[in-house]
Amino acid sequence: AAEISLILSISTHTVNFHQKNMQRKFNAPNKTQVASYAAAIGLL
């Protein structure tokens, strides 16, 4: 989260908030699964 927040110039809290939101919406058990699903549907 720290590296992403530096790249995007946002707080780590904001990064964590959005990661948790995606995890809930994708019904994923962890961040790795979120990234895998996002890549599979073309979001990354």
C-alpha atoms as a PDB file:
ATOM      1  CA  ALA A   1       0.000   0.000   0.000  1.00  0.00           C
ATOM      2  CA  ALA A   2       2.857   2.368   0.769  1.00  0.00           C
ATOM      3  CA  GLU A   3       4.424   2.061  -2.675  1.00  0.00           C
ATOM      4  CA  ILE A   4       1.075   2.494  -4.443  1.00  0.00           C
ATOM      5  CA  SER A   5       0.274   5.555  -2.336  1.00  0.00           C
ATOM      6  CA  LEU A   6       3.593   7.156  -3.274  1.00  0.00           C
ATOM      7  CA  ILE A   7       3.087   6.474  -6.984  1.00  0.00           C
ATOM      8  CA  LEU A   8      -0.474   7.835  -6.970  1.00  0.00           C
ATOM      9  CA  SER A   9       0.188  10.620  -4.425  1.00  0.00           C
ATOM     10  CA  ILE A  10      -2.615   9.458  -2.137  1.00  0.00           C
ATOM     11  CA  SER A  11      -2.630   8.245   1.451  1.00  0.00           C
ATOM     12  CA  THR A  12      -2.066   4.625   2.405  1.00  0.00           C
ATOM     13  CA  HIS A  13      -5.481   4.750   4.098  1.00  0.00           C
ATOM     14  CA  THR A  14      -7.094   5.508   0.721  1.00  0.00           C
ATOM     15  CA  VAL A  15      -5.223   2.648  -0.951  1.00  0.00           C
ATOM     16  CA  ASN A  16      -6.261   0.207   1.780  1.00  0.00           C
ATOM     17  CA  PHE A  17      -9.869   1.422   1.619  1.00  0.00           C
ATOM     18  CA  HIS A  18     -10.110   0.766  -2.118  1.00  0.00           C
ATOM     19  CA  GLN A  19      -8.310  -2.577  -1.861  1.00  0.00           C
ATOM     20  CA  LYS A  20     -10.784  -3.773   0.772  1.00  0.00           C
ATOM     21  CA  ASN A  21     -13.689  -2.523  -1.357  1.00  0.00           C
ATOM     22  CA  MET A  22     -12.457  -4.482  -4.380  1.00  0.00           C
ATOM     23  CA  GLN A  23     -11.858  -7.536  -2.219  1.00  0.00           C
ATOM     24  CA  ARG A  24     -15.460  -7.383  -0.987  1.00  0.00           C
ATOM     25  CA  LYS A  25     -16.970  -6.729  -4.438  1.00  0.00           C
ATOM     26  CA  PHE A  26     -14.960  -9.497  -6.111  1.00  0.00           C
ATOM     27  CA  ASN A  27     -15.627 -11.819  -3.156  1.00  0.00           C
ATOM     28  CA  ALA A  28     -11.890 -12.500  -3.013  1.00  0.00           C
ATOM     29  CA  PRO A  29     -10.131 -13.875   0.080  1.00  0.00           C
ATOM     30  CA  ASN A  30      -6.982 -11.751  -0.404  1.00  0.00           C
ATOM     31  CA  LYS A  31      -5.291  -9.013  -2.475  1.00  0.00           C
ATOM     32  CA  THR A  32      -3.597 -11.532  -4.756  1.00  0.00           C
ATOM     33  CA  GLN A  33      -6.960 -12.911  -5.824  1.00  0.00           C
ATOM     34  CA  VAL A  34      -8.243  -9.363  -6.420  1.00  0.00           C
ATOM     35  CA  ALA A  35      -5.297  -8.622  -8.717  1.00  0.00           C
ATOM     36  CA  SER A  36      -5.719 -11.932 -10.535  1.00  0.00           C
ATOM     37  CA  TYR A  37      -9.429 -11.353 -11.123  1.00  0.00           C
ATOM     38  CA  ALA A  38      -8.889  -7.722 -12.171  1.00  0.00           C
ATOM     39  CA  ALA A  39      -6.261  -8.826 -14.698  1.00  0.00           C
ATOM     40  CA  ALA A  40      -8.528 -11.578 -16.030  1.00  0.00           C
ATOM     41  CA  ILE A  41     -11.346  -9.133 -16.759  1.00  0.00           C
ATOM     42  CA  GLY A  42      -9.030  -6.518 -18.252  1.00  0.00           C
ATOM     43  CA  LEU A  43      -8.885  -3.943 -15.462  1.00  0.00           C
ATOM     44  CA  LEU A  44      -5.087  -4.130 -15.246  1.00  0.00           C
END
